[in-house]
C-alpha atoms as a PDB file:
ATOM      1  CA  MET A   1      81.361  83.138  85.359  1.00  0.00           C
ATOM      2  CA  GLU A   2      79.408  80.516  83.506  1.00  0.00           C
ATOM      3  CA  HIS A   3      76.364  78.444  84.378  1.00  0.00           C
ATOM      4  CA  SER A   4      74.540  75.717  82.413  1.00  0.00           C
ATOM      5  CA  TRP A   5      71.114  74.234  83.130  1.00  0.00           C
ATOM      6  CA  LYS A   6      68.419  72.115  81.564  1.00  0.00           C
ATOM      7  CA  THR A   7      65.213  73.947  80.713  1.00  0.00           C
ATOM      8  CA  ASN A   8      63.427  70.624  80.544  1.00  0.00           C
ATOM      9  CA  ILE A   9      64.722  67.695  82.564  1.00  0.00           C
ATOM     10  CA  GLN A  10      63.394  65.261  79.966  1.00  0.00           C
ATOM     11  CA  ALA A  11      65.176  66.964  77.046  1.00  0.00           C
ATOM     12  CA  PRO A  12      68.940  66.622  76.468  1.00  0.00           C
ATOM     13  CA  HIS A  13      69.344  70.300  75.567  1.00  0.00           C
ATOM     14  CA  LYS A  14      70.972  72.723  77.975  1.00  0.00           C
ATOM     15  CA  LYS A  15      70.955  76.477  78.208  1.00  0.00           C
ATOM     16  CA  SER A  16      73.994  78.339  79.385  1.00  0.00           C
ATOM     17  CA  LEU A  17      74.755  81.843  80.475  1.00  0.00           C
ATOM     18  CA  SER A  18      78.183  83.402  80.613  1.00  0.00           C
ATOM     19  CA  VAL A  19      79.044  86.772  82.089  1.00  0.00           C
ATOM     20  CA  ILE A  20      82.328  88.586  82.655  1.00  0.00           C
ATOM     21  CA  ILE A  21      82.570  90.378  85.984  1.00  0.00           C
ATOM     22  CA  SER A  22      85.356  92.909  86.200  1.00  0.00           C
ATOM     23  CA  SER A  23      86.815  93.622  89.572  1.00  0.00           C
ATOM     24  CA  GLN A  24      88.258  97.039  90.137  1.00  0.00           C
ATOM     25  CA  THR A  25      91.748  96.601  91.508  1.00  0.00           C
ATOM     26  CA  TYR A  26      94.761  98.820  91.784  1.00  0.00           C
ATOM     27  CA  MET A  27      98.119  97.373  92.666  1.00  0.00           C
ATOM     28  CA  ASP A  28     101.095  99.591  93.205  1.00  0.00           C
ATOM     29  CA  ASP A  29     104.705  98.992  94.184  1.00  0.00           C
ATOM     30  CA  ILE A  30     104.839  95.232  93.880  1.00  0.00           C
ATOM     31  CA  ILE A  31     108.166  93.574  94.598  1.00  0.00           C
ATOM     32  CA  TRP A  32     109.138  90.089  93.526  1.00  0.00           C
ATOM     33  CA  LEU A  33     112.400  88.676  94.846  1.00  0.00           C
ATOM     34  CA  THR A  34     113.792  85.594  93.198  1.00  0.00           C
ATOM     35  CA  GLY A  35     117.046  83.763  92.714  1.00  0.00           C
ATOM     36  CA  SER A  36     116.894  83.208  88.965  1.00  0.00           C
ATOM     37  CA  LYS A  37     115.460  84.492  85.709  1.00  0.00           C
ATOM     38  CA  HIS A  38     113.454  81.277  85.340  1.00  0.00           C
ATOM     39  CA  SER A  39     111.821  81.771  88.753  1.00  0.00           C
ATOM     40  CA  LEU A  40     111.002  85.381  87.870  1.00  0.00           C
ATOM     41  CA  GLU A  41     109.341  84.286  84.634  1.00  0.00           C
ATOM     42  CA  ARG A  42     107.235  81.730  86.555  1.00  0.00           C
ATOM     43  CA  ILE A  43     106.128  84.412  89.030  1.00  0.00           C
ATOM     44  CA  LEU A  44     105.308  86.826  86.208  1.00  0.00           C
ATOM     45  CA  PHE A  45     103.318  84.123  84.413  1.00  0.00           C
ATOM     46  CA  ILE A  46     101.181  83.562  87.519  1.00  0.00           C
ATOM     47  CA  ALA A  47     100.759  87.325  87.986  1.00  0.00           C
ATOM     48  CA  ASN A  48      99.780  87.677  84.327  1.00  0.00           C
ATOM     49  CA  GLU A  49      97.144  84.937  84.691  1.00  0.00           C
ATOM     50  CA  PHE A  50      95.794  86.680  87.809  1.00  0.00           C
ATOM     51  CA  ASN A  51      95.644  89.962  85.891  1.00  0.00           C
ATOM     52  CA  LYS A  52      93.762  88.337  83.001  1.00  0.00           C
ATOM     53  CA  MET A  53      91.302  86.670  85.374  1.00  0.00           C
ATOM     54  CA  ASN A  54      90.577  89.977  87.128  1.00  0.00           C
ATOM     55  CA  ASN A  55      90.714  92.151  83.997  1.00  0.00           C
ATOM     56  CA  ILE A  56      93.718  94.126  85.287  1.00  0.00           C
ATOM     57  CA  GLN A  57      96.189  95.845  82.999  1.00  0.00           C
ATOM     58  CA  THR A  58      99.885  96.017  83.785  1.00  0.00           C
ATOM     59  CA  ASN A  59     101.976  99.070  82.985  1.00  0.00           C
ATOM     60  CA  TYR A  60     105.147  97.411  81.723  1.00  0.00           C
ATOM     61  CA  GLU A  61     106.788 100.802  81.219  1.00  0.00           C
ATOM     62  CA  LYS A  62     107.076 101.193  84.989  1.00  0.00           C
ATOM     63  CA  PHE A  63     108.917  97.925  85.541  1.00  0.00           C
ATOM     64  CA  ALA A  64     112.208  98.293  87.387  1.00  0.00           C
ATOM     65  CA  MET A  65     114.572  95.369  87.736  1.00  0.00           C
ATOM     66  CA  THR A  66     117.670  95.179  89.877  1.00  0.00           C
ATOM     67  CA  MET A  67     120.232  92.415  89.691  1.00  0.00           C
ATOM     68  CA  ASN A  68     123.088  91.397  91.903  1.00  0.00           C
ATOM     69  CA  GLU A  69     125.287  90.197  89.065  1.00  0.00           C
ATOM     70  CA  LYS A  70     126.794  91.744  85.940  1.00  0.00           C
ATOM     71  CA  LEU A  71     124.772  91.551  82.772  1.00  0.00           C
ATOM     72  CA  GLN A  72     125.858  89.050  80.167  1.00  0.00           C
ATOM     73  CA  THR A  73     123.953  90.721  77.333  1.00  0.00           C
ATOM     74  CA  VAL A  74     125.545  93.018  74.786  1.00  0.00           C
ATOM     75  CA  ASP A  75     122.985  95.835  74.830  1.00  0.00           C
ATOM     76  CA  GLY A  76     122.233  95.702  78.550  1.00  0.00           C
ATOM     77  CA  GLU A  77     118.646  94.527  78.126  1.00  0.00           C
ATOM     78  CA  ILE A  78     117.215  91.226  79.265  1.00  0.00           C
ATOM     79  CA  ASN A  79     114.430  89.344  77.513  1.00  0.00           C
ATOM     80  CA  ILE A  80     111.754  88.317  80.002  1.00  0.00           C
ATOM     81  CA  ASN A  81     109.176  85.772  78.895  1.00  0.00           C
ATOM     82  CA  PHE A  82     105.666  86.726  80.030  1.00  0.00           C
ATOM     83  CA  ARG A  83     104.284  83.644  78.221  1.00  0.00           C
ATOM     84  CA  SER A  84     101.959  85.842  76.166  1.00  0.00           C
ATOM     85  CA  GLU A  85     104.896  87.900  74.894  1.00  0.00           C
ATOM     86  CA  ILE A  86     108.594  88.528  75.385  1.00  0.00           C
ATOM     87  CA  ARG A  87     109.541  91.968  76.698  1.00  0.00           C
ATOM     88  CA  LYS A  88     112.922  93.626  76.889  1.00  0.00           C
ATOM     89  CA  ILE A  89     113.668  95.110  80.294  1.00  0.00           C
ATOM     90  CA  LYS A  90     116.714  97.200  81.049  1.00  0.00           C
ATOM     91  CA  PRO A  91     117.860  96.431  84.595  1.00  0.00           C
ATOM     92  CA  ILE A  92     118.954  99.154  86.974  1.00  0.00           C
ATOM     93  CA  ARG A  93     122.750  99.320  86.949  1.00  0.00           C
ATOM     94  CA  MET A  94     124.712  98.595  90.111  1.00  0.00           C
ATOM     95  CA  GLY A  95     125.508 102.294  90.705  1.00  0.00           C
ATOM     96  CA  GLU A  96     121.974 103.577  90.047  1.00  0.00           C
ATOM     97  CA  SER A  97     119.400 104.230  92.727  1.00  0.00           C
ATOM     98  CA  VAL A  98     115.816 103.030  92.430  1.00  0.00           C
ATOM     99  CA  ARG A  99     112.808 103.798  94.593  1.00  0.00           C
ATOM    100  CA  ILE A 100     111.157 100.685  96.022  1.00  0.00           C
ATOM    101  CA  LEU A 101     108.142 101.090  98.310  1.00  0.00           C
ATOM    102  CA  GLY A 102     109.143 104.690  98.999  1.00  0.00           C
ATOM    103  CA  VAL A 103     112.737 103.842  99.924  1.00  0.00           C
ATOM    104  CA  TRP A 104     115.705 104.665  97.688  1.00  0.00           C
ATOM    105  CA  VAL A 105     117.883 101.589  97.195  1.00  0.00           C
ATOM    106  CA  ASN A 106     121.354 101.378  95.662  1.00  0.00           C
ATOM    107  CA  LEU A 107     122.945  97.959  95.159  1.00  0.00           C
ATOM    108  CA  ASN A 108     126.413  99.414  95.794  1.00  0.00           C
ATOM    109  CA  LEU A 109     125.117 100.785  99.125  1.00  0.00           C
ATOM    110  CA  ASN A 110     126.036 104.278  97.910  1.00  0.00           C
ATOM    111  CA  THR A 111     124.218 106.928  99.968  1.00  0.00           C
ATOM    112  CA  LYS A 112     125.308 109.873  97.802  1.00  0.00           C
ATOM    113  CA  PHE A 113     122.022 109.960  95.853  1.00  0.00           C
ATOM    114  CA  VAL A 114     119.874 110.146  99.000  1.00  0.00           C
ATOM    115  CA  LEU A 115     122.162 112.721 100.628  1.00  0.00           C
ATOM    116  CA  ASN A 116     121.926 114.905  97.513  1.00  0.00           C
ATOM    117  CA  GLN A 117     118.140 114.577  97.645  1.00  0.00           C
ATOM    118  CA  CYS A 118     118.155 115.727 101.283  1.00  0.00           C
ATOM    119  CA  LYS A 119     120.336 118.696 100.378  1.00  0.00           C
ATOM    120  CA  ASP A 120     117.951 119.631  97.543  1.00  0.00           C
ATOM    121  CA  ILE A 121     114.958 119.466  99.891  1.00  0.00           C
ATOM    122  CA  ILE A 122     116.712 121.709 102.423  1.00  0.00           C
ATOM    123  CA  ARG A 123     117.786 124.166  99.683  1.00  0.00           C
ATOM    124  CA  ASN A 124     114.248 124.362  98.317  1.00  0.00           C
ATOM    125  CA  TYR A 125     112.836 124.871 101.803  1.00  0.00           C
ATOM    126  CA  ASN A 126     115.335 127.662 102.511  1.00  0.00           C
ATOM    127  CA  ARG A 127     114.586 129.285  99.152  1.00  0.00           C
ATOM    128  CA  ILE A 128     110.855 129.274  99.890  1.00  0.00           C
ATOM    129  CA  ILE A 129     111.051 130.655 103.451  1.00  0.00           C
ATOM    130  CA  HIS A 130     113.976 133.018 102.829  1.00  0.00           C
ATOM    131  CA  LYS A 131     111.756 136.044 102.152  1.00  0.00           C
ATOM    132  CA  LYS A 132     108.875 135.074 104.415  1.00  0.00           C
ATOM    133  CA  ARG A 133     108.196 137.310 107.368  1.00  0.00           C
ATOM    134  CA  VAL A 134     108.129 135.903 110.882  1.00  0.00           C
ATOM    135  CA  THR A 135     104.867 136.812 112.583  1.00  0.00           C
ATOM    136  CA  ASN A 136     103.033 136.085 115.824  1.00  0.00           C
ATOM    137  CA  LEU A 137      99.927 133.998 115.445  1.00  0.00           C
END
């Protein structure tokens, strides 16, 4: 925030004061849906400007990207332009599952991953209670 004022209305000199106010913000599980790489880069540019304005840091290591088409790149990574820098992001493959807002999603609509998770939860539960005694409260 910046403000300028005249200390003397008859003098041409101005005084100014500038202060940075940090807002404390935490954003988690953000999803951007778009039809093209160009649109995604525009959205990320706006988000980056918002983050700069509010003094928010982004954890780029936690980015997950899914695509509904086969990759055209040799190494499987896509360069995304964040305006301030270009980052390589490895998209989730069609057969992989990714957790989005607490829900496991697979672009091939394969439910095997989630079913295996359910089986693991049940196995762990059974392992924990297997030797527990049943008592009256």
